[in-house]
Full PDB file with SEQRES, HELIX, SHEET, SSBOND, CRYST1, ORIGX, SCALE, CONECT and MASTER records, all heavy atoms in Angstrom:
SEQRES   1 A   30  ALA ASP VAL LEU THR LEU GLN VAL THR GLY ALA ASP LEU          
SEQRES   2 A   30  PRO THR ASP GLU ARG ASN LEU VAL TYR ARG ALA ALA GLN          
SEQRES   3 A   30  ALA TYR LEU ARG                                              
HELIX    1 AA1 LEU A   20  LEU A   29  1                                  10    
CRYST1    1.000    1.000    1.000  90.00  90.00  90.00 P 1           1          
ORIGX1      1.000000  0.000000  0.000000        0.00000                         
ORIGX2      0.000000  1.000000  0.000000        0.00000                         
ORIGX3      0.000000  0.000000  1.000000        0.00000                         
SCALE1      1.000000  0.000000  0.000000        0.00000                         
SCALE2      0.000000  1.000000  0.000000        0.00000                         
SCALE3      0.000000  0.000000  1.000000        0.00000                         
ATOM      1  N   ALA A   1     -22.378 -12.090 -15.901  1.00  0.00           N  
ATOM      2  CA  ALA A   1     -23.197 -11.276 -14.999  1.00  0.00           C  
ATOM      3  C   ALA A   1     -23.090  -9.811 -15.407  1.00  0.00           C  
ATOM      4  O   ALA A   1     -22.293  -9.450 -16.286  1.00  0.00           O  
ATOM      5  CB  ALA A   1     -22.733 -11.465 -13.558  1.00  0.00           C  
ATOM      6  N   ASP A   2     -23.883  -8.977 -14.761  1.00  0.00           N  
ATOM      7  CA  ASP A   2     -23.867  -7.553 -15.091  1.00  0.00           C  
ATOM      8  C   ASP A   2     -22.597  -6.869 -14.598  1.00  0.00           C  
ATOM      9  O   ASP A   2     -22.099  -5.928 -15.220  1.00  0.00           O  
ATOM     10  CB  ASP A   2     -25.090  -6.854 -14.486  1.00  0.00           C  
ATOM     11  CG  ASP A   2     -26.388  -7.300 -15.147  1.00  0.00           C  
ATOM     12  OD1 ASP A   2     -26.344  -7.717 -16.324  1.00  0.00           O  
ATOM     13  OD2 ASP A   2     -27.434  -7.247 -14.471  1.00  0.00           O  
ATOM     14  N   VAL A   3     -22.087  -7.339 -13.453  1.00  0.00           N  
ATOM     15  CA  VAL A   3     -20.887  -6.736 -12.868  1.00  0.00           C  
ATOM     16  C   VAL A   3     -19.927  -7.847 -12.443  1.00  0.00           C  
ATOM     17  O   VAL A   3     -20.294  -9.016 -12.374  1.00  0.00           O  
ATOM     18  CB  VAL A   3     -21.232  -5.843 -11.648  1.00  0.00           C  
ATOM     19  CG1 VAL A   3     -22.072  -4.649 -12.076  1.00  0.00           C  
ATOM     20  CG2 VAL A   3     -21.932  -6.653 -10.579  1.00  0.00           C  
ATOM     21  N   LEU A   4     -18.711  -7.448 -12.130  1.00  0.00           N  
ATOM     22  CA  LEU A   4     -17.698  -8.393 -11.658  1.00  0.00           C  
ATOM     23  C   LEU A   4     -17.845  -8.599 -10.158  1.00  0.00           C  
ATOM     24  O   LEU A   4     -17.806  -7.634  -9.381  1.00  0.00           O  
ATOM     25  CB  LEU A   4     -16.297  -7.856 -11.973  1.00  0.00           C  
ATOM     26  CG  LEU A   4     -15.104  -8.567 -11.317  1.00  0.00           C  
ATOM     27  CD1 LEU A   4     -15.058 -10.038 -11.720  1.00  0.00           C  
ATOM     28  CD2 LEU A   4     -13.801  -7.856 -11.692  1.00  0.00           C  
ATOM     29  N   THR A   5     -18.042  -9.850  -9.760  1.00  0.00           N  
ATOM     30  CA  THR A   5     -18.056 -10.195  -8.337  1.00  0.00           C  
ATOM     31  C   THR A   5     -17.258 -11.468  -8.119  1.00  0.00           C  
ATOM     32  O   THR A   5     -17.138 -12.310  -9.017  1.00  0.00           O  
ATOM     33  CB  THR A   5     -19.486 -10.410  -7.793  1.00  0.00           C  
ATOM     34  OG1 THR A   5     -20.104 -11.487  -8.518  1.00  0.00           O  
ATOM     35  CG2 THR A   5     -20.309  -9.149  -7.911  1.00  0.00           C  
ATOM     36  N   LEU A   6     -16.699 -11.608  -6.924  1.00  0.00           N  
ATOM     37  CA  LEU A   6     -15.916 -12.789  -6.553  1.00  0.00           C  
ATOM     38  C   LEU A   6     -16.365 -13.283  -5.189  1.00  0.00           C  
ATOM     39  O   LEU A   6     -16.496 -12.495  -4.243  1.00  0.00           O  
ATOM     40  CB  LEU A   6     -14.422 -12.440  -6.515  1.00  0.00           C  
ATOM     41  CG  LEU A   6     -13.480 -13.513  -5.956  1.00  0.00           C  
ATOM     42  CD1 LEU A   6     -13.498 -14.771  -6.816  1.00  0.00           C  
ATOM     43  CD2 LEU A   6     -12.057 -12.959  -5.832  1.00  0.00           C  
ATOM     44  N   GLN A   7     -16.588 -14.580  -5.098  1.00  0.00           N  
ATOM     45  CA  GLN A   7     -16.870 -15.247  -3.832  1.00  0.00           C  
ATOM     46  C   GLN A   7     -15.801 -16.318  -3.625  1.00  0.00           C  
ATOM     47  O   GLN A   7     -15.388 -16.980  -4.586  1.00  0.00           O  
ATOM     48  CB  GLN A   7     -18.259 -15.894  -3.854  1.00  0.00           C  
ATOM     49  CG  GLN A   7     -18.620 -16.645  -2.583  1.00  0.00           C  
ATOM     50  CD  GLN A   7     -19.982 -17.328  -2.676  1.00  0.00           C  
ATOM     51  OE1 GLN A   7     -20.673 -17.225  -3.686  1.00  0.00           O  
ATOM     52  NE2 GLN A   7     -20.350 -18.046  -1.630  1.00  0.00           N  
ATOM     53  N   VAL A   8     -15.353 -16.485  -2.396  1.00  0.00           N  
ATOM     54  CA  VAL A   8     -14.321 -17.478  -2.083  1.00  0.00           C  
ATOM     55  C   VAL A   8     -14.834 -18.421  -1.009  1.00  0.00           C  
ATOM     56  O   VAL A   8     -15.369 -17.980   0.017  1.00  0.00           O  
ATOM     57  CB  VAL A   8     -13.015 -16.812  -1.596  1.00  0.00           C  
ATOM     58  CG1 VAL A   8     -11.958 -17.873  -1.274  1.00  0.00           C  
ATOM     59  CG2 VAL A   8     -12.480 -15.838  -2.646  1.00  0.00           C  
ATOM     60  N   THR A   9     -14.679 -19.718  -1.250  1.00  0.00           N  
ATOM     61  CA  THR A   9     -14.959 -20.720  -0.227  1.00  0.00           C  
ATOM     62  C   THR A   9     -13.667 -21.462   0.096  1.00  0.00           C  
ATOM     63  O   THR A   9     -12.784 -21.577  -0.750  1.00  0.00           O  
ATOM     64  CB  THR A   9     -16.027 -21.731  -0.687  1.00  0.00           C  
ATOM     65  OG1 THR A   9     -15.497 -22.527  -1.764  1.00  0.00           O  
ATOM     66  CG2 THR A   9     -17.283 -21.024  -1.162  1.00  0.00           C  
ATOM     67  N   GLY A  10     -13.547 -21.942   1.313  1.00  0.00           N  
ATOM     68  CA  GLY A  10     -12.395 -22.746   1.695  1.00  0.00           C  
ATOM     69  C   GLY A  10     -11.221 -21.976   2.243  1.00  0.00           C  
ATOM     70  O   GLY A  10     -10.231 -22.568   2.685  1.00  0.00           O  
ATOM     71  N   ALA A  11     -11.286 -20.664   2.208  1.00  0.00           N  
ATOM     72  CA  ALA A  11     -10.196 -19.833   2.748  1.00  0.00           C  
ATOM     73  C   ALA A  11     -10.725 -18.431   2.989  1.00  0.00           C  
ATOM     74  O   ALA A  11     -11.668 -17.979   2.323  1.00  0.00           O  
ATOM     75  CB  ALA A  11      -9.009 -19.784   1.783  1.00  0.00           C  
ATOM     76  N   ASP A  12     -10.107 -17.753   3.931  1.00  0.00           N  
ATOM     77  CA  ASP A  12     -10.484 -16.373   4.253  1.00  0.00           C  
ATOM     78  C   ASP A  12      -9.629 -15.436   3.413  1.00  0.00           C  
ATOM     79  O   ASP A  12      -8.555 -15.000   3.820  1.00  0.00           O  
ATOM     80  CB  ASP A  12     -10.278 -16.114   5.743  1.00  0.00           C  
ATOM     81  CG  ASP A  12     -10.734 -14.712   6.154  1.00  0.00           C  
ATOM     82  OD1 ASP A  12     -11.478 -14.092   5.373  1.00  0.00           O  
ATOM     83  OD2 ASP A  12     -10.330 -14.255   7.237  1.00  0.00           O  
ATOM     84  N   LEU A  13     -10.116 -15.149   2.216  1.00  0.00           N  
ATOM     85  CA  LEU A  13      -9.385 -14.311   1.271  1.00  0.00           C  
ATOM     86  C   LEU A  13     -10.234 -13.109   0.881  1.00  0.00           C  
ATOM     87  O   LEU A  13     -11.465 -13.190   0.855  1.00  0.00           O  
ATOM     88  CB  LEU A  13      -9.038 -15.114   0.002  1.00  0.00           C  
ATOM     89  CG  LEU A  13      -7.996 -16.218   0.144  1.00  0.00           C  
ATOM     90  CD1 LEU A  13      -7.923 -17.031  -1.144  1.00  0.00           C  
ATOM     91  CD2 LEU A  13      -6.636 -15.623   0.483  1.00  0.00           C  
ATOM     92  N   PRO A  14      -9.590 -11.997   0.536  1.00  0.00           N  
ATOM     93  CA  PRO A  14     -10.347 -10.832   0.072  1.00  0.00           C  
ATOM     94  C   PRO A  14     -11.038 -11.135  -1.258  1.00  0.00           C  
ATOM     95  O   PRO A  14     -10.613 -12.017  -2.014  1.00  0.00           O  
ATOM     96  CB  PRO A  14      -9.282  -9.747  -0.088  1.00  0.00           C  
ATOM     97  CG  PRO A  14      -7.996 -10.485  -0.238  1.00  0.00           C  
ATOM     98  CD  PRO A  14      -8.130 -11.733   0.571  1.00  0.00           C  
ATOM     99  N   THR A  15     -12.084 -10.404  -1.548  1.00  0.00           N  
ATOM    100  CA  THR A  15     -12.854 -10.643  -2.775  1.00  0.00           C  
ATOM    101  C   THR A  15     -12.897  -9.395  -3.655  1.00  0.00           C  
ATOM    102  O   THR A  15     -13.808  -9.221  -4.454  1.00  0.00           O  
ATOM    103  CB  THR A  15     -14.285 -11.097  -2.426  1.00  0.00           C  
ATOM    104  OG1 THR A  15     -14.899 -10.114  -1.579  1.00  0.00           O  
ATOM    105  CG2 THR A  15     -14.265 -12.438  -1.702  1.00  0.00           C  
ATOM    106  N   ASP A  16     -11.894  -8.530  -3.496  1.00  0.00           N  
ATOM    107  CA  ASP A  16     -11.813  -7.308  -4.291  1.00  0.00           C  
ATOM    108  C   ASP A  16     -10.452  -7.233  -4.984  1.00  0.00           C  
ATOM    109  O   ASP A  16      -9.839  -8.268  -5.247  1.00  0.00           O  
ATOM    110  CB  ASP A  16     -12.068  -6.082  -3.412  1.00  0.00           C  
ATOM    111  CG  ASP A  16     -11.134  -6.043  -2.190  1.00  0.00           C  
ATOM    112  OD1 ASP A  16     -10.091  -6.735  -2.189  1.00  0.00           O  
ATOM    113  OD2 ASP A  16     -11.458  -5.310  -1.226  1.00  0.00           O  
ATOM    114  N   GLU A  17      -9.980  -6.040  -5.270  1.00  0.00           N  
ATOM    115  CA  GLU A  17      -8.722  -5.868  -6.012  1.00  0.00           C  
ATOM    116  C   GLU A  17      -7.506  -6.462  -5.305  1.00  0.00           C  
ATOM    117  O   GLU A  17      -6.444  -6.626  -5.923  1.00  0.00           O  
ATOM    118  CB  GLU A  17      -8.467  -4.370  -6.273  1.00  0.00           C  
ATOM    119  CG  GLU A  17      -9.372  -3.740  -7.322  1.00  0.00           C  
ATOM    120  CD  GLU A  17     -10.663  -3.211  -6.713  1.00  0.00           C  
ATOM    121  OE1 GLU A  17     -10.939  -3.510  -5.528  1.00  0.00           O  
ATOM    122  OE2 GLU A  17     -11.397  -2.487  -7.425  1.00  0.00           O  
ATOM    123  N   ARG A  18      -7.638  -6.809  -4.049  1.00  0.00           N  
ATOM    124  CA  ARG A  18      -6.532  -7.459  -3.338  1.00  0.00           C  
ATOM    125  C   ARG A  18      -6.380  -8.929  -3.721  1.00  0.00           C  
ATOM    126  O   ARG A  18      -5.386  -9.558  -3.388  1.00  0.00           O  
ATOM    127  CB  ARG A  18      -6.736  -7.334  -1.823  1.00  0.00           C  
ATOM    128  CG  ARG A  18      -6.668  -5.901  -1.297  1.00  0.00           C  
ATOM    129  CD  ARG A  18      -7.139  -5.836   0.143  1.00  0.00           C  
ATOM    130  NE  ARG A  18      -8.554  -6.153   0.257  1.00  0.00           N  
ATOM    131  CZ  ARG A  18      -9.190  -6.385   1.394  1.00  0.00           C  
ATOM    132  NH1 ARG A  18      -8.517  -6.354   2.540  1.00  0.00           N  
ATOM    133  NH2 ARG A  18     -10.494  -6.652   1.402  1.00  0.00           N  
ATOM    134  N   ASN A  19      -7.355  -9.456  -4.431  1.00  0.00           N  
ATOM    135  CA  ASN A  19      -7.331 -10.855  -4.848  1.00  0.00           C  
ATOM    136  C   ASN A  19      -6.900 -10.935  -6.311  1.00  0.00           C  
ATOM    137  O   ASN A  19      -7.421 -10.235  -7.171  1.00  0.00           O  
ATOM    138  CB  ASN A  19      -8.725 -11.465  -4.665  1.00  0.00           C  
ATOM    139  CG  ASN A  19      -8.726 -12.974  -4.845  1.00  0.00           C  
ATOM    140  OD1 ASN A  19      -8.386 -13.475  -5.906  1.00  0.00           O  
ATOM    141  ND2 ASN A  19      -9.117 -13.685  -3.803  1.00  0.00           N  
ATOM    142  N   LEU A  20      -5.955 -11.831  -6.596  1.00  0.00           N  
ATOM    143  CA  LEU A  20      -5.398 -11.941  -7.949  1.00  0.00           C  
ATOM    144  C   LEU A  20      -6.439 -12.403  -8.967  1.00  0.00           C  
ATOM    145  O   LEU A  20      -6.387 -12.008 -10.139  1.00  0.00           O  
ATOM    146  CB  LEU A  20      -4.201 -12.899  -7.937  1.00  0.00           C  
ATOM    147  CG  LEU A  20      -3.220 -12.825  -9.103  1.00  0.00           C  
ATOM    148  CD1 LEU A  20      -2.661 -11.415  -9.270  1.00  0.00           C  
ATOM    149  CD2 LEU A  20      -2.077 -13.825  -8.893  1.00  0.00           C  
ATOM    150  N   VAL A  21      -7.382 -13.211  -8.546  1.00  0.00           N  
ATOM    151  CA  VAL A  21      -8.461 -13.631  -9.445  1.00  0.00           C  
ATOM    152  C   VAL A  21      -9.288 -12.424  -9.867  1.00  0.00           C  
ATOM    153  O   VAL A  21      -9.605 -12.243 -11.057  1.00  0.00           O  
ATOM    154  CB  VAL A  21      -9.350 -14.702  -8.766  1.00  0.00           C  
ATOM    155  CG1 VAL A  21     -10.644 -14.906  -9.552  1.00  0.00           C  
ATOM    156  CG2 VAL A  21      -8.591 -16.013  -8.630  1.00  0.00           C  
ATOM    157  N   TYR A  22      -9.648 -11.600  -8.915  1.00  0.00           N  
ATOM    158  CA  TYR A  22     -10.418 -10.387  -9.215  1.00  0.00           C  
ATOM    159  C   TYR A  22      -9.629  -9.491 -10.169  1.00  0.00           C  
ATOM    160  O   TYR A  22     -10.182  -8.973 -11.157  1.00  0.00           O  
ATOM    161  CB  TYR A  22     -10.732  -9.651  -7.920  1.00  0.00           C  
ATOM    162  CG  TYR A  22     -11.711  -8.510  -8.074  1.00  0.00           C  
ATOM    163  CD1 TYR A  22     -13.053  -8.680  -7.745  1.00  0.00           C  
ATOM    164  CD2 TYR A  22     -11.302  -7.253  -8.546  1.00  0.00           C  
ATOM    165  CE1 TYR A  22     -13.966  -7.634  -7.867  1.00  0.00           C  
ATOM    166  CE2 TYR A  22     -12.197  -6.215  -8.679  1.00  0.00           C  
ATOM    167  CZ  TYR A  22     -13.529  -6.404  -8.346  1.00  0.00           C  
ATOM    168  OH  TYR A  22     -14.426  -5.372  -8.482  1.00  0.00           O  
ATOM    169  N   ARG A  23      -8.332  -9.304  -9.897  1.00  0.00           N  
ATOM    170  CA  ARG A  23      -7.521  -8.426 -10.747  1.00  0.00           C  
ATOM    171  C   ARG A  23      -7.382  -8.999 -12.156  1.00  0.00           C  
ATOM    172  O   ARG A  23      -7.363  -8.257 -13.143  1.00  0.00           O  
ATOM    173  CB  ARG A  23      -6.136  -8.212 -10.136  1.00  0.00           C  
ATOM    174  CG  ARG A  23      -6.163  -7.421  -8.843  1.00  0.00           C  
ATOM    175  CD  ARG A  23      -4.861  -6.689  -8.569  1.00  0.00           C  
ATOM    176  NE  ARG A  23      -3.697  -7.560  -8.518  1.00  0.00           N  
ATOM    177  CZ  ARG A  23      -3.308  -8.208  -7.431  1.00  0.00           C  
ATOM    178  NH1 ARG A  23      -4.016  -8.136  -6.311  1.00  0.00           N  
ATOM    179  NH2 ARG A  23      -2.222  -8.948  -7.447  1.00  0.00           N  
ATOM    180  N   ALA A  24      -7.279 -10.324 -12.268  1.00  0.00           N  
ATOM    181  CA  ALA A  24      -7.180 -10.945 -13.590  1.00  0.00           C  
ATOM    182  C   ALA A  24      -8.458 -10.717 -14.387  1.00  0.00           C  
ATOM    183  O   ALA A  24      -8.417 -10.353 -15.571  1.00  0.00           O  
ATOM    184  CB  ALA A  24      -6.895 -12.439 -13.443  1.00  0.00           C  
ATOM    185  N   ALA A  25      -9.602 -10.924 -13.744  1.00  0.00           N  
ATOM    186  CA  ALA A  25     -10.874 -10.708 -14.431  1.00  0.00           C  
ATOM    187  C   ALA A  25     -11.040  -9.249 -14.818  1.00  0.00           C  
ATOM    188  O   ALA A  25     -11.450  -8.925 -15.942  1.00  0.00           O  
ATOM    189  CB  ALA A  25     -12.019 -11.158 -13.527  1.00  0.00           C  
ATOM    190  N   GLN A  26     -10.697  -8.373 -13.909  1.00  0.00           N  
ATOM    191  CA  GLN A  26     -10.800  -6.936 -14.166  1.00  0.00           C  
ATOM    192  C   GLN A  26      -9.910  -6.541 -15.345  1.00  0.00           C  
ATOM    193  O   GLN A  26     -10.328  -5.765 -16.230  1.00  0.00           O  
ATOM    194  CB  GLN A  26     -10.397  -6.186 -12.905  1.00  0.00           C  
ATOM    195  CG  GLN A  26     -10.659  -4.702 -12.916  1.00  0.00           C  
ATOM    196  CD  GLN A  26     -10.306  -4.088 -11.571  1.00  0.00           C  
ATOM    197  OE1 GLN A  26      -9.161  -4.198 -11.115  1.00  0.00           O  
ATOM    198  NE2 GLN A  26     -11.273  -3.456 -10.919  1.00  0.00           N  
ATOM    199  N   ALA A  27      -8.695  -7.078 -15.380  1.00  0.00           N  
ATOM    200  CA  ALA A  27      -7.754  -6.752 -16.451  1.00  0.00           C  
ATOM    201  C   ALA A  27      -8.279  -7.218 -17.804  1.00  0.00           C  
ATOM    202  O   ALA A  27      -8.187  -6.492 -18.808  1.00  0.00           O  
ATOM    203  CB  ALA A  27      -6.396  -7.376 -16.160  1.00  0.00           C  
ATOM    204  N   TYR A  28      -8.837  -8.417 -17.846  1.00  0.00           N  
ATOM    205  CA  TYR A  28      -9.354  -8.922 -19.133  1.00  0.00           C  
ATOM    206  C   TYR A  28     -10.559  -8.111 -19.591  1.00  0.00           C  
ATOM    207  O   TYR A  28     -10.647  -7.714 -20.765  1.00  0.00           O  
ATOM    208  CB  TYR A  28      -9.736 -10.403 -19.036  1.00  0.00           C  
ATOM    209  CG  TYR A  28     -10.206 -10.929 -20.375  1.00  0.00           C  
ATOM    210  CD1 TYR A  28      -9.290 -11.422 -21.302  1.00  0.00           C  
ATOM    211  CD2 TYR A  28     -11.549 -10.869 -20.749  1.00  0.00           C  
ATOM    212  CE1 TYR A  28      -9.715 -11.860 -22.555  1.00  0.00           C  
ATOM    213  CE2 TYR A  28     -11.981 -11.300 -21.993  1.00  0.00           C  
ATOM    214  CZ  TYR A  28     -11.054 -11.794 -22.891  1.00  0.00           C  
ATOM    215  OH  TYR A  28     -11.457 -12.207 -24.134  1.00  0.00           O  
ATOM    216  N   LEU A  29     -11.486  -7.865 -18.693  1.00  0.00           N  
ATOM    217  CA  LEU A  29     -12.694  -7.126 -19.076  1.00  0.00           C  
ATOM    218  C   LEU A  29     -12.353  -5.736 -19.607  1.00  0.00           C  
ATOM    219  O   LEU A  29     -12.934  -5.275 -20.593  1.00  0.00           O  
ATOM    220  CB  LEU A  29     -13.640  -7.014 -17.874  1.00  0.00           C  
ATOM    221  CG  LEU A  29     -14.263  -8.338 -17.388  1.00  0.00           C  
ATOM    222  CD1 LEU A  29     -14.960  -8.132 -16.048  1.00  0.00           C  
ATOM    223  CD2 LEU A  29     -15.225  -8.900 -18.424  1.00  0.00           C  
ATOM    224  N   ARG A  30     -11.387  -5.082 -18.956  1.00  0.00           N  
ATOM    225  CA  ARG A  30     -10.974  -3.759 -19.416  1.00  0.00           C  
ATOM    226  C   ARG A  30     -10.278  -3.832 -20.768  1.00  0.00           C  
ATOM    227  O   ARG A  30     -10.574  -3.040 -21.672  1.00  0.00           O  
ATOM    228  CB  ARG A  30     -10.046  -3.117 -18.376  1.00  0.00           C  
ATOM    229  CG  ARG A  30     -10.774  -2.626 -17.134  1.00  0.00           C  
ATOM    230  CD  ARG A  30      -9.790  -2.104 -16.094  1.00  0.00           C  
ATOM    231  NE  ARG A  30     -10.464  -1.528 -14.933  1.00  0.00           N  
ATOM    232  CZ  ARG A  30      -9.860  -1.162 -13.821  1.00  0.00           C  
ATOM    233  NH1 ARG A  30      -8.534  -1.302 -13.702  1.00  0.00           N  
ATOM    234  NH2 ARG A  30     -10.543  -0.648 -12.818  1.00  0.00           N  
TER     235      ARG A  30                                                      
MASTER        0    0    0    1    0    0    0    6  234    1    0    3          
END                                                                             
């Protein structure tokens, strides 16, 4: 995609830098 986005189903979790998946993707892209 053009930008990094995260959607979560099945749990009420943050979808920004507070989420480890988001941070992992951000770290790799950088």
